[in-house]
PDB file of N, CA and C in Angstrom:
ATOM      1  N   UNK A   1     136.576 -13.104  33.109  1.00  0.00           N
ATOM      2  CA  UNK A   1     136.202 -11.714  32.925  1.00  0.00           C
ATOM      3  C   UNK A   1     134.683 -11.619  32.734  1.00  0.00           C
ATOM      4  N   UNK A   2     134.185 -10.468  32.999  1.00  0.00           N
ATOM      5  CA  UNK A   2     132.749 -10.227  32.878  1.00  0.00           C
ATOM      6  C   UNK A   2     132.357 -10.032  31.438  1.00  0.00           C
ATOM      7  N   UNK A   3     131.143 -10.444  31.127  1.00  0.00           N
ATOM      8  CA  UNK A   3     130.641 -10.153  29.798  1.00  0.00           C
ATOM      9  C   UNK A   3     130.214  -8.691  29.774  1.00  0.00           C
ATOM     10  N   UNK A   4     130.185  -8.128  28.591  1.00  0.00           N
ATOM     11  CA  UNK A   4     129.854  -6.722  28.427  1.00  0.00           C
ATOM     12  C   UNK A   4     128.486  -6.405  29.000  1.00  0.00           C
ATOM     13  N   UNK A   5     127.539  -7.325  28.862  1.00  0.00           N
ATOM     14  CA  UNK A   5     126.194  -7.098  29.377  1.00  0.00           C
ATOM     15  C   UNK A   5     126.208  -6.890  30.882  1.00  0.00           C
ATOM     16  N   UNK A   6     126.960  -7.701  31.612  1.00  0.00           N
ATOM     17  CA  UNK A   6     127.002  -7.565  33.061  1.00  0.00           C
ATOM     18  C   UNK A   6     127.674  -6.257  33.462  1.00  0.00           C
ATOM     19  N   UNK A   7     128.735  -5.877  32.768  1.00  0.00           N
ATOM     20  CA  UNK A   7     129.389  -4.599  33.048  1.00  0.00           C
ATOM     21  C   UNK A   7     128.400  -3.465  32.826  1.00  0.00           C
ATOM     22  N   UNK A   8     127.661  -3.533  31.728  1.00  0.00           N
ATOM     23  CA  UNK A   8     126.650  -2.514  31.445  1.00  0.00           C
ATOM     24  C   UNK A   8     125.616  -2.445  32.567  1.00  0.00           C
ATOM     25  N   UNK A   9     125.216  -3.604  33.085  1.00  0.00           N
ATOM     26  CA  UNK A   9     124.231  -3.639  34.168  1.00  0.00           C
ATOM     27  C   UNK A   9     124.800  -3.028  35.450  1.00  0.00           C
ATOM     28  N   UNK A  10     126.059  -3.298  35.740  1.00  0.00           N
ATOM     29  CA  UNK A  10     126.707  -2.731  36.931  1.00  0.00           C
ATOM     30  C   UNK A  10     126.795  -1.210  36.798  1.00  0.00           C
ATOM     31  N   UNK A  11     127.202  -0.743  35.624  1.00  0.00           N
ATOM     32  CA  UNK A  11     127.314   0.700  35.411  1.00  0.00           C
ATOM     33  C   UNK A  11     125.946   1.368  35.432  1.00  0.00           C
ATOM     34  N   UNK A  12     124.931   0.691  34.901  1.00  0.00           N
ATOM     35  CA  UNK A  12     123.569   1.229  34.955  1.00  0.00           C
ATOM     36  C   UNK A  12     123.106   1.326  36.405  1.00  0.00           C
ATOM     37  N   UNK A  13     123.457   0.330  37.220  1.00  0.00           N
ATOM     38  CA  UNK A  13     123.099   0.363  38.641  1.00  0.00           C
ATOM     39  C   UNK A  13     123.811   1.511  39.347  1.00  0.00           C
ATOM     40  N   UNK A  14     125.041   1.782  38.956  1.00  0.00           N
ATOM     41  CA  UNK A  14     125.786   2.899  39.532  1.00  0.00           C
ATOM     42  C   UNK A  14     125.109   4.227  39.175  1.00  0.00           C
ATOM     43  N   UNK A  15     124.739   4.382  37.905  1.00  0.00           N
ATOM     44  CA  UNK A  15     124.044   5.602  37.480  1.00  0.00           C
ATOM     45  C   UNK A  15     122.716   5.765  38.213  1.00  0.00           C
ATOM     46  N   UNK A  16     121.973   4.670  38.340  1.00  0.00           N
ATOM     47  CA  UNK A  16     120.679   4.717  39.019  1.00  0.00           C
ATOM     48  C   UNK A  16     120.845   5.088  40.494  1.00  0.00           C
ATOM     49  N   UNK A  17     121.825   4.505  41.145  1.00  0.00           N
ATOM     50  CA  UNK A  17     122.071   4.809  42.563  1.00  0.00           C
ATOM     51  C   UNK A  17     122.432   6.283  42.737  1.00  0.00           C
ATOM     52  N   UNK A  18     123.242   6.801  41.824  1.00  0.00           N
ATOM     53  CA  UNK A  18     123.609   8.216  41.904  1.00  0.00           C
ATOM     54  C   UNK A  18     122.385   9.094  41.676  1.00  0.00           C
ATOM     55  N   UNK A  19     121.592   8.725  40.701  1.00  0.00           N
ATOM     56  CA  UNK A  19     120.384   9.493  40.402  1.00  0.00           C
ATOM     57  C   UNK A  19     119.405   9.485  41.580  1.00  0.00           C
ATOM     58  N   UNK A  20     119.209   8.307  42.183  1.00  0.00           N
ATOM     59  CA  UNK A  20     118.305   8.190  43.337  1.00  0.00           C
ATOM     60  C   UNK A  20     118.803   9.014  44.520  1.00  0.00           C
ATOM     61  N   UNK A  21     120.112   9.148  44.619  1.00  0.00           N
ATOM     62  CA  UNK A  21     120.685   9.917  45.726  1.00  0.00           C
ATOM     63  C   UNK A  21     120.469  11.414  45.536  1.00  0.00           C
ATOM     64  N   UNK A  22     120.176  11.802  44.298  1.00  0.00           N
ATOM     65  CA  UNK A  22     120.014  13.219  43.994  1.00  0.00           C
ATOM     66  C   UNK A  22     121.324  13.924  43.700  1.00  0.00           C
ATOM     67  N   UNK A  23     122.408  13.172  43.617  1.00  0.00           N
ATOM     68  CA  UNK A  23     123.721  13.749  43.356  1.00  0.00           C
ATOM     69  C   UNK A  23     123.980  13.834  41.859  1.00  0.00           C
ATOM     70  N   UNK A  24     124.639  14.905  41.461  1.00  0.00           N
ATOM     71  CA  UNK A  24     125.062  15.042  40.070  1.00  0.00           C
ATOM     72  C   UNK A  24     126.436  14.391  39.905  1.00  0.00           C
ATOM     73  N   UNK A  25     126.807  14.151  38.659  1.00  0.00           N
ATOM     74  CA  UNK A  25     128.160  13.659  38.398  1.00  0.00           C
ATOM     75  C   UNK A  25     129.183  14.673  38.902  1.00  0.00           C
ATOM     76  N   UNK A  26     128.886  15.938  38.741  1.00  0.00           N
ATOM     77  CA  UNK A  26     129.801  16.996  39.187  1.00  0.00           C
ATOM     78  C   UNK A  26     130.009  16.950  40.696  1.00  0.00           C
ATOM     79  N   UNK A  27     128.927  16.709  41.439  1.00  0.00           N
ATOM     80  CA  UNK A  27     129.026  16.640  42.896  1.00  0.00           C
ATOM     81  C   UNK A  27     129.906  15.470  43.320  1.00  0.00           C
ATOM     82  N   UNK A  28     129.653  14.299  42.735  1.00  0.00           N
ATOM     83  CA  UNK A  28     130.449  13.110  43.068  1.00  0.00           C
ATOM     84  C   UNK A  28     131.917  13.370  42.719  1.00  0.00           C
ATOM     85  N   UNK A  29     132.149  13.911  41.528  1.00  0.00           N
ATOM     86  CA  UNK A  29     133.525  14.190  41.094  1.00  0.00           C
ATOM     87  C   UNK A  29     134.216  15.149  42.051  1.00  0.00           C
ATOM     88  N   UNK A  30     133.506  16.165  42.484  1.00  0.00           N
ATOM     89  CA  UNK A  30     134.085  17.133  43.416  1.00  0.00           C
ATOM     90  C   UNK A  30     134.483  16.449  44.726  1.00  0.00           C
ATOM     91  N   UNK A  31     133.609  15.588  45.248  1.00  0.00           N
ATOM     92  CA  UNK A  31     133.890  14.892  46.503  1.00  0.00           C
ATOM     93  C   UNK A  31     135.068  13.931  46.364  1.00  0.00           C
ATOM     94  N   UNK A  32     135.258  13.385  45.159  1.00  0.00           N
ATOM     95  CA  UNK A  32     136.365  12.459  44.911  1.00  0.00           C
ATOM     96  C   UNK A  32     137.639  13.185  44.473  1.00  0.00           C
ATOM     97  N   UNK A  33     137.515  14.507  44.302  1.00  0.00           N
ATOM     98  CA  UNK A  33     138.635  15.326  43.859  1.00  0.00           C
ATOM     99  C   UNK A  33     139.138  14.903  42.471  1.00  0.00           C
ATOM    100  N   UNK A  34     138.175  14.697  41.576  1.00  0.00           N
ATOM    101  CA  UNK A  34     138.478  14.355  40.185  1.00  0.00           C
ATOM    102  C   UNK A  34     137.649  15.268  39.279  1.00  0.00           C
ATOM    103  N   UNK A  35     137.925  15.224  37.998  1.00  0.00           N
ATOM    104  CA  UNK A  35     137.149  15.994  37.028  1.00  0.00           C
ATOM    105  C   UNK A  35     135.809  15.299  36.772  1.00  0.00           C
ATOM    106  N   UNK A  36     134.786  16.093  36.488  1.00  0.00           N
ATOM    107  CA  UNK A  36     133.469  15.525  36.179  1.00  0.00           C
ATOM    108  C   UNK A  36     133.543  14.613  34.957  1.00  0.00           C
ATOM    109  N   UNK A  37     134.351  14.987  33.987  1.00  0.00           N
ATOM    110  CA  UNK A  37     134.471  14.183  32.775  1.00  0.00           C
ATOM    111  C   UNK A  37     135.020  12.787  33.096  1.00  0.00           C
ATOM    112  N   UNK A  38     135.912  12.707  34.055  1.00  0.00           N
ATOM    113  CA  UNK A  38     136.455  11.406  34.470  1.00  0.00           C
ATOM    114  C   UNK A  38     135.360  10.551  35.068  1.00  0.00           C
ATOM    115  N   UNK A  39     134.568  11.144  35.971  1.00  0.00           N
ATOM    116  CA  UNK A  39     133.476  10.374  36.579  1.00  0.00           C
ATOM    117  C   UNK A  39     132.473   9.934  35.509  1.00  0.00           C
ATOM    118  N   UNK A  40     132.149  10.830  34.594  1.00  0.00           N
ATOM    119  CA  UNK A  40     131.217  10.484  33.518  1.00  0.00           C
ATOM    120  C   UNK A  40     131.722   9.319  32.677  1.00  0.00           C
ATOM    121  N   UNK A  41     133.017   9.296  32.435  1.00  0.00           N
ATOM    122  CA  UNK A  41     133.607   8.187  31.661  1.00  0.00           C
ATOM    123  C   UNK A  41     133.520   6.877  32.433  1.00  0.00           C
ATOM    124  N   UNK A  42     133.659   6.946  33.756  1.00  0.00           N
ATOM    125  CA  UNK A  42     133.489   5.727  34.559  1.00  0.00           C
ATOM    126  C   UNK A  42     132.076   5.188  34.387  1.00  0.00           C
ATOM    127  N   UNK A  43     131.085   6.073  34.535  1.00  0.00           N
ATOM    128  CA  UNK A  43     129.683   5.634  34.436  1.00  0.00           C
ATOM    129  C   UNK A  43     129.339   5.093  33.052  1.00  0.00           C
ATOM    130  N   UNK A  44     129.968   5.632  32.024  1.00  0.00           N
ATOM    131  CA  UNK A  44     129.697   5.171  30.659  1.00  0.00           C
ATOM    132  C   UNK A  44     130.551   3.967  30.266  1.00  0.00           C
ATOM    133  N   UNK A  45     131.481   3.572  31.132  1.00  0.00           N
ATOM    134  CA  UNK A  45     132.342   2.440  30.839  1.00  0.00           C
ATOM    135  C   UNK A  45     133.445   2.761  29.855  1.00  0.00           C
ATOM    136  N   UNK A  46     133.724   4.041  29.665  1.00  0.00           N
ATOM    137  CA  UNK A  46     134.771   4.449  28.728  1.00  0.00           C
ATOM    138  C   UNK A  46     136.154   4.408  29.361  1.00  0.00           C
ATOM    139  N   UNK A  47     136.189   4.495  30.683  1.00  0.00           N
ATOM    140  CA  UNK A  47     137.437   4.429  31.439  1.00  0.00           C
ATOM    141  C   UNK A  47     137.219   3.482  32.606  1.00  0.00           C
ATOM    142  N   UNK A  48     138.120   2.518  32.826  1.00  0.00           N
ATOM    143  CA  UNK A  48     137.946   1.609  33.966  1.00  0.00           C
ATOM    144  C   UNK A  48     138.006   2.354  35.292  1.00  0.00           C
ATOM    145  N   UNK A  49     137.203   1.904  36.235  1.00  0.00           N
ATOM    146  CA  UNK A  49     137.214   2.466  37.583  1.00  0.00           C
ATOM    147  C   UNK A  49     137.943   1.482  38.494  1.00  0.00           C
ATOM    148  N   UNK A  50     138.782   1.974  39.361  1.00  0.00           N
ATOM    149  CA  UNK A  50     139.486   1.087  40.289  1.00  0.00           C
ATOM    150  C   UNK A  50     138.541   0.644  41.398  1.00  0.00           C
ATOM    151  N   UNK A  51     138.863  -0.441  42.047  1.00  0.00           N
ATOM    152  CA  UNK A  51     138.065  -0.918  43.176  1.00  0.00           C
ATOM    153  C   UNK A  51     138.036   0.156  44.254  1.00  0.00           C
ATOM    154  N   UNK A  52     139.179   0.757  44.513  1.00  0.00           N
ATOM    155  CA  UNK A  52     139.251   1.793  45.537  1.00  0.00           C
ATOM    156  C   UNK A  52     138.281   2.934  45.226  1.00  0.00           C
ATOM    157  N   UNK A  53     138.268   3.389  43.981  1.00  0.00           N
ATOM    158  CA  UNK A  53     137.365   4.475  43.606  1.00  0.00           C
ATOM    159  C   UNK A  53     135.910   4.033  43.613  1.00  0.00           C
ATOM    160  N   UNK A  54     135.646   2.809  43.197  1.00  0.00           N
ATOM    161  CA  UNK A  54     134.274   2.298  43.230  1.00  0.00           C
ATOM    162  C   UNK A  54     133.765   2.238  44.665  1.00  0.00           C
ATOM    163  N   UNK A  55     134.618   1.829  45.570  1.00  0.00           N
ATOM    164  CA  UNK A  55     134.252   1.796  46.992  1.00  0.00           C
ATOM    165  C   UNK A  55     133.964   3.215  47.481  1.00  0.00           C
ATOM    166  N   UNK A  56     134.788   4.164  47.088  1.00  0.00           N
ATOM    167  CA  UNK A  56     134.569   5.557  47.503  1.00  0.00           C
ATOM    168  C   UNK A  56     133.241   6.092  46.973  1.00  0.00           C
ATOM    169  N   UNK A  57     132.913   5.767  45.726  1.00  0.00           N
ATOM    170  CA  UNK A  57     131.634   6.200  45.152  1.00  0.00           C
ATOM    171  C   UNK A  57     130.481   5.569  45.928  1.00  0.00           C
ATOM    172  N   UNK A  58     130.588   4.277  46.204  1.00  0.00           N
ATOM    173  CA  UNK A  58     129.534   3.592  46.958  1.00  0.00           C
ATOM    174  C   UNK A  58     129.352   4.206  48.347  1.00  0.00           C
ATOM    175  N   UNK A  59     130.446   4.573  48.974  1.00  0.00           N
ATOM    176  CA  UNK A  59     130.354   5.226  50.285  1.00  0.00           C
ATOM    177  C   UNK A  59     129.621   6.555  50.186  1.00  0.00           C
ATOM    178  N   UNK A  60     129.915   7.332  49.152  1.00  0.00           N
ATOM    179  CA  UNK A  60     129.220   8.611  48.958  1.00  0.00           C
ATOM    180  C   UNK A  60     127.725   8.403  48.712  1.00  0.00           C
ATOM    181  N   UNK A  61     127.400   7.320  48.015  1.00  0.00           N
ATOM    182  CA  UNK A  61     126.006   7.036  47.690  1.00  0.00           C
ATOM    183  C   UNK A  61     125.299   6.261  48.800  1.00  0.00           C
ATOM    184  N   UNK A  62     126.045   5.907  49.837  1.00  0.00           N
ATOM    185  CA  UNK A  62     125.516   5.124  50.972  1.00  0.00           C
ATOM    186  C   UNK A  62     124.908   3.800  50.523  1.00  0.00           C
ATOM    187  N   UNK A  63     125.667   3.099  49.649  1.00  0.00           N
ATOM    188  CA  UNK A  63     125.242   1.780  49.199  1.00  0.00           C
ATOM    189  C   UNK A  63     126.385   0.791  49.369  1.00  0.00           C
ATOM    190  N   UNK A  64     126.033  -0.484  49.407  1.00  0.00           N
ATOM    191  CA  UNK A  64     127.024  -1.562  49.430  1.00  0.00           C
ATOM    192  C   UNK A  64     127.460  -1.830  47.994  1.00  0.00           C
ATOM    193  N   UNK A  65     128.708  -2.163  47.804  1.00  0.00           N
ATOM    194  CA  UNK A  65     129.212  -2.421  46.456  1.00  0.00           C
ATOM    195  C   UNK A  65     128.441  -3.563  45.779  1.00  0.00           C
ATOM    196  N   UNK A  66     127.982  -4.531  46.563  1.00  0.00           N
ATOM    197  CA  UNK A  66     127.253  -5.660  45.986  1.00  0.00           C
ATOM    198  C   UNK A  66     125.902  -5.256  45.411  1.00  0.00           C
ATOM    199  N   UNK A  67     125.383  -4.106  45.814  1.00  0.00           N
ATOM    200  CA  UNK A  67     124.119  -3.628  45.263  1.00  0.00           C
ATOM    201  C   UNK A  67     124.244  -3.299  43.781  1.00  0.00           C
ATOM    202  N   UNK A  68     125.463  -3.144  43.299  1.00  0.00           N
ATOM    203  CA  UNK A  68     125.682  -2.830  41.893  1.00  0.00           C
ATOM    204  C   UNK A  68     125.618  -4.065  41.004  1.00  0.00           C
ATOM    205  N   UNK A  69     125.792  -5.242  41.594  1.00  0.00           N
ATOM    206  CA  UNK A  69     125.765  -6.461  40.797  1.00  0.00           C
ATOM    207  C   UNK A  69     124.335  -6.827  40.459  1.00  0.00           C
ATOM    208  N   UNK A  70     124.116  -7.339  39.239  1.00  0.00           N
ATOM    209  CA  UNK A  70     122.755  -7.682  38.814  1.00  0.00           C
ATOM    210  C   UNK A  70     122.062  -8.623  39.796  1.00  0.00           C
ATOM    211  N   UNK A  71     120.765  -8.399  39.983  1.00  0.00           N
ATOM    212  CA  UNK A  71     119.980  -9.210  40.905  1.00  0.00           C
ATOM    213  C   UNK A  71     119.965 -10.681  40.508  1.00  0.00           C
ATOM    214  N   UNK A  72     120.127 -10.955  39.224  1.00  0.00           N
ATOM    215  CA  UNK A  72     120.091 -12.345  38.771  1.00  0.00           C
ATOM    216  C   UNK A  72     121.309 -13.138  39.228  1.00  0.00           C
ATOM    217  N   UNK A  73     122.345 -12.448  39.646  1.00  0.00           N
ATOM    218  CA  UNK A  73     123.559 -13.115  40.111  1.00  0.00           C
ATOM    219  C   UNK A  73     123.400 -13.500  41.575  1.00  0.00           C
ATOM    220  N   UNK A  74     123.817 -14.703  41.923  1.00  0.00           N
ATOM    221  CA  UNK A  74     123.828 -15.102  43.330  1.00  0.00           C
ATOM    222  C   UNK A  74     124.894 -14.268  44.025  1.00  0.00           C
ATOM    223  N   UNK A  75     124.514 -13.591  45.079  1.00  0.00           N
ATOM    224  CA  UNK A  75     125.466 -12.739  45.779  1.00  0.00           C
ATOM    225  C   UNK A  75     126.304 -13.554  46.752  1.00  0.00           C
ATOM    226  N   UNK A  76     127.606 -13.379  46.699  1.00  0.00           N
ATOM    227  CA  UNK A  76     128.470 -14.101  47.621  1.00  0.00           C
ATOM    228  C   UNK A  76     128.325 -13.566  49.045  1.00  0.00           C
ATOM    229  N   UNK A  77     128.807 -14.340  49.975  1.00  0.00           N
ATOM    230  CA  UNK A  77     128.763 -13.916  51.373  1.00  0.00           C
ATOM    231  C   UNK A  77     129.517 -12.591  51.511  1.00  0.00           C
ATOM    232  N   UNK A  78     128.909 -11.642  52.170  1.00  0.00           N
ATOM    233  CA  UNK A  78     129.474 -10.299  52.291  1.00  0.00           C
ATOM    234  C   UNK A  78     130.871 -10.311  52.898  1.00  0.00           C
ATOM    235  N   UNK A  79     131.080 -11.105  53.917  1.00  0.00           N
ATOM    236  CA  UNK A  79     132.377 -11.098  54.578  1.00  0.00           C
ATOM    237  C   UNK A  79     133.491 -11.566  53.646  1.00  0.00           C
ATOM    238  N   UNK A  80     133.207 -12.523  52.787  1.00  0.00           N
ATOM    239  CA  UNK A  80     134.223 -13.000  51.843  1.00  0.00           C
ATOM    240  C   UNK A  80     134.558 -11.925  50.826  1.00  0.00           C
ATOM    241  N   UNK A  81     133.548 -11.202  50.367  1.00  0.00           N
ATOM    242  CA  UNK A  81     133.791 -10.116  49.420  1.00  0.00           C
ATOM    243  C   UNK A  81     134.616  -9.023  50.087  1.00  0.00           C
ATOM    244  N   UNK A  82     134.278  -8.682  51.316  1.00  0.00           N
ATOM    245  CA  UNK A  82     135.022  -7.645  52.015  1.00  0.00           C
ATOM    246  C   UNK A  82     136.487  -8.044  52.181  1.00  0.00           C
ATOM    247  N   UNK A  83     136.743  -9.303  52.468  1.00  0.00           N
ATOM    248  CA  UNK A  83     138.126  -9.778  52.599  1.00  0.00           C
ATOM    249  C   UNK A  83     138.851  -9.612  51.271  1.00  0.00           C
ATOM    250  N   UNK A  84     138.220 -10.021  50.179  1.00  0.00           N
ATOM    251  CA  UNK A  84     138.855  -9.920  48.871  1.00  0.00           C
ATOM    252  C   UNK A  84     139.103  -8.459  48.506  1.00  0.00           C
ATOM    253  N   UNK A  85     138.147  -7.577  48.773  1.00  0.00           N
ATOM    254  CA  UNK A  85     138.325  -6.171  48.439  1.00  0.00           C
ATOM    255  C   UNK A  85     139.418  -5.540  49.280  1.00  0.00           C
ATOM    256  N   UNK A  86     139.500  -5.940  50.538  1.00  0.00           N
ATOM    257  CA  UNK A  86     140.557  -5.422  51.398  1.00  0.00           C
ATOM    258  C   UNK A  86     141.917  -5.818  50.848  1.00  0.00           C
ATOM    259  N   UNK A  87     142.023  -7.031  50.350  1.00  0.00           N
ATOM    260  CA  UNK A  87     143.291  -7.511  49.803  1.00  0.00           C
ATOM    261  C   UNK A  87     143.660  -6.811  48.506  1.00  0.00           C
ATOM    262  N   UNK A  88     142.647  -6.341  47.769  1.00  0.00           N
ATOM    263  CA  UNK A  88     142.912  -5.798  46.440  1.00  0.00           C
ATOM    264  C   UNK A  88     142.737  -4.297  46.314  1.00  0.00           C
ATOM    265  N   UNK A  89     142.138  -3.632  47.286  1.00  0.00           N
ATOM    266  CA  UNK A  89     141.769  -2.234  47.075  1.00  0.00           C
ATOM    267  C   UNK A  89     142.950  -1.285  46.917  1.00  0.00           C
ATOM    268  N   UNK A  90     144.131  -1.669  47.353  1.00  0.00           N
ATOM    269  CA  UNK A  90     145.287  -0.787  47.196  1.00  0.00           C
ATOM    270  C   UNK A  90     145.860  -0.847  45.786  1.00  0.00           C
ATOM    271  N   UNK A  91     145.458  -1.841  45.026  1.00  0.00           N
ATOM    272  CA  UNK A  91     145.949  -1.984  43.660  1.00  0.00           C
ATOM    273  C   UNK A  91     145.022  -1.279  42.686  1.00  0.00           C
ATOM    274  N   UNK A  92     145.533  -0.951  41.525  1.00  0.00           N
ATOM    275  CA  UNK A  92     144.713  -0.359  40.471  1.00  0.00           C
ATOM    276  C   UNK A  92     144.011  -1.505  39.736  1.00  0.00           C
ATOM    277  N   UNK A  93     142.750  -1.720  40.081  1.00  0.00           N
ATOM    278  CA  UNK A  93     142.006  -2.849  39.532  1.00  0.00           C
ATOM    279  C   UNK A  93     140.793  -2.316  38.777  1.00  0.00           C
ATOM    280  N   UNK A  94     140.570  -2.791  37.583  1.00  0.00           N
ATOM    281  CA  UNK A  94     139.414  -2.328  36.838  1.00  0.00           C
ATOM    282  C   UNK A  94     138.196  -3.205  37.125  1.00  0.00           C
ATOM    283  N   UNK A  95     137.086  -2.837  36.576  1.00  0.00           N
ATOM    284  CA  UNK A  95     135.818  -3.508  36.844  1.00  0.00           C
ATOM    285  C   UNK A  95     135.860  -4.974  36.400  1.00  0.00           C
ATOM    286  N   UNK A  96     136.643  -5.299  35.361  1.00  0.00           N
ATOM    287  CA  UNK A  96     136.741  -6.688  34.922  1.00  0.00           C
ATOM    288  C   UNK A  96     137.361  -7.567  35.995  1.00  0.00           C
ATOM    289  N   UNK A  97     138.402  -7.087  36.651  1.00  0.00           N
ATOM    290  CA  UNK A  97     139.034  -7.876  37.696  1.00  0.00           C
ATOM    291  C   UNK A  97     138.117  -7.997  38.903  1.00  0.00           C
ATOM    292  N   UNK A  98     137.423  -6.926  39.238  1.00  0.00           N
ATOM    293  CA  UNK A  98     136.448  -6.984  40.327  1.00  0.00           C
ATOM    294  C   UNK A  98     135.404  -8.059  40.024  1.00  0.00           C
ATOM    295  N   UNK A  99     134.982  -8.115  38.784  1.00  0.00           N
ATOM    296  CA  UNK A  99     133.988  -9.110  38.379  1.00  0.00           C
ATOM    297  C   UNK A  99     134.544 -10.521  38.463  1.00  0.00           C
ATOM    298  N   UNK A 100     135.808 -10.681  38.107  1.00  0.00           N
ATOM    299  CA  UNK A 100     136.435 -11.996  38.195  1.00  0.00           C
ATOM    300  C   UNK A 100     136.493 -12.445  39.654  1.00  0.00           C
ATOM    301  N   UNK A 101     136.801 -11.508  40.547  1.00  0.00           N
ATOM    302  CA  UNK A 101     136.802 -11.815  41.980  1.00  0.00           C
ATOM    303  C   UNK A 101     135.407 -12.231  42.422  1.00  0.00           C
ATOM    304  N   UNK A 102     134.402 -11.477  41.979  1.00  0.00           N
ATOM    305  CA  UNK A 102     133.013 -11.787  42.309  1.00  0.00           C
ATOM    306  C   UNK A 102     132.662 -13.197  41.837  1.00  0.00           C
ATOM    307  N   UNK A 103     133.045 -13.534  40.607  1.00  0.00           N
ATOM    308  CA  UNK A 103     132.738 -14.852  40.047  1.00  0.00           C
ATOM    309  C   UNK A 103     133.445 -15.964  40.834  1.00  0.00           C
ATOM    310  N   UNK A 104     134.688 -15.735  41.217  1.00  0.00           N
ATOM    311  CA  UNK A 104     135.423 -16.737  41.986  1.00  0.00           C
ATOM    312  C   UNK A 104     134.758 -16.984  43.339  1.00  0.00           C
ATOM    313  N   UNK A 105     134.320 -15.915  43.980  1.00  0.00           N
ATOM    314  CA  UNK A 105     133.644 -16.066  45.268  1.00  0.00           C
ATOM    315  C   UNK A 105     132.305 -16.752  45.081  1.00  0.00           C
ATOM    316  N   UNK A 106     131.609 -16.397  44.018  1.00  0.00           N
ATOM    317  CA  UNK A 106     130.318 -17.030  43.715  1.00  0.00           C
ATOM    318  C   UNK A 106     130.498 -18.538  43.548  1.00  0.00           C
ATOM    319  N   UNK A 107     131.521 -18.929  42.810  1.00  0.00           N
ATOM    320  CA  UNK A 107     131.772 -20.355  42.606  1.00  0.00           C
ATOM    321  C   UNK A 107     132.153 -21.033  43.921  1.00  0.00           C
ATOM    322  N   UNK A 108     132.890 -20.325  44.775  1.00  0.00           N
ATOM    323  CA  UNK A 108     133.317 -20.863  46.057  1.00  0.00           C
ATOM    324  C   UNK A 108     132.135 -21.097  46.991  1.00  0.00           C
ATOM    325  N   UNK A 109     131.120 -20.253  46.908  1.00  0.00           N
ATOM    326  CA  UNK A 109     129.999 -20.341  47.838  1.00  0.00           C
ATOM    327  C   UNK A 109     128.886 -21.270  47.376  1.00  0.00           C
ATOM    328  N   UNK A 110     129.033 -21.891  46.207  1.00  0.00           N
ATOM    329  CA  UNK A 110     128.004 -22.820  45.707  1.00  0.00           C
ATOM    330  C   UNK A 110     127.945 -24.068  46.546  1.00  0.00           C
TER     331      UNK A 110
END
């Protein structure tokens, strides 16, 4: 599982990407057909976000999901991550499991 610091960094990157895009939390929530409070809780780490929803947010922000991971982390090969996300995106997966997948791929690519 991810340490709290890394989760905080991922969520901070999500907030920054949204801010740079010029989108409000309300706008993102509207596009995802959810309440603004739900989206705000995702960004604050108060409610886990599923991989499927994280992918949808990244698509709205026109960013790759790997852009959310801290720069200090070695990024796994994109194709391997895409395969893992494809296998898991239909399930309700929180950010901790996504991070575990990231770590497993990172270890595999060493």
